[in-house]
């Protein structure tokens, strides 16, 4: 039991060590993104990753420096799944927090790498009932990214404790 508690403390410390990129500019993340990569050890993902497909995100900065986020995904039955969040800025540029009513969790989101015309890597610590999990996402301005960027995302995800089998590059999907 003591080893497990030590593991949890180390994992929590590792979560806190991931900082947003230096020089983050909110305007550079604005616009349409394709969700290409998804990595987490969360049980729900392990059980559903085989059916997941590429989705879209619209990210819009607000006048106060927060970030309106709208996610959409075309479901197999032809209907559109949609989720929105307002991520509130923190004192650290590139770090945002929000509560998801849909999933009942608190989210600490950090933009860790960004080239505004090509890709973004976002690291989120999701906490529910005192349990924290990492979720890493790879976004692209187009549905295709270079193998080098996909490898960078995979390495980042491994470095943040995600099991190799839980790093998914999502197949293309229609748009809503």
Foldseek 3Di string as FASTA:
>chain_A
DVVVVVVQVVLVVLLVPQAAAPPDDLVLQAAKKKFFKKFWPDPVCVVCVVPDAIWMWGWDADPVGWIKIKIWDQDPVRDIDIDIWIWDDDPGPQWTWTAGPVVGWIKIKGFHDDDSQFKTKIWIWIDHPRDTIIMITIITPDNDDDPVVLVVSLVVSVSSPTDSVRMDGHHHHDYD
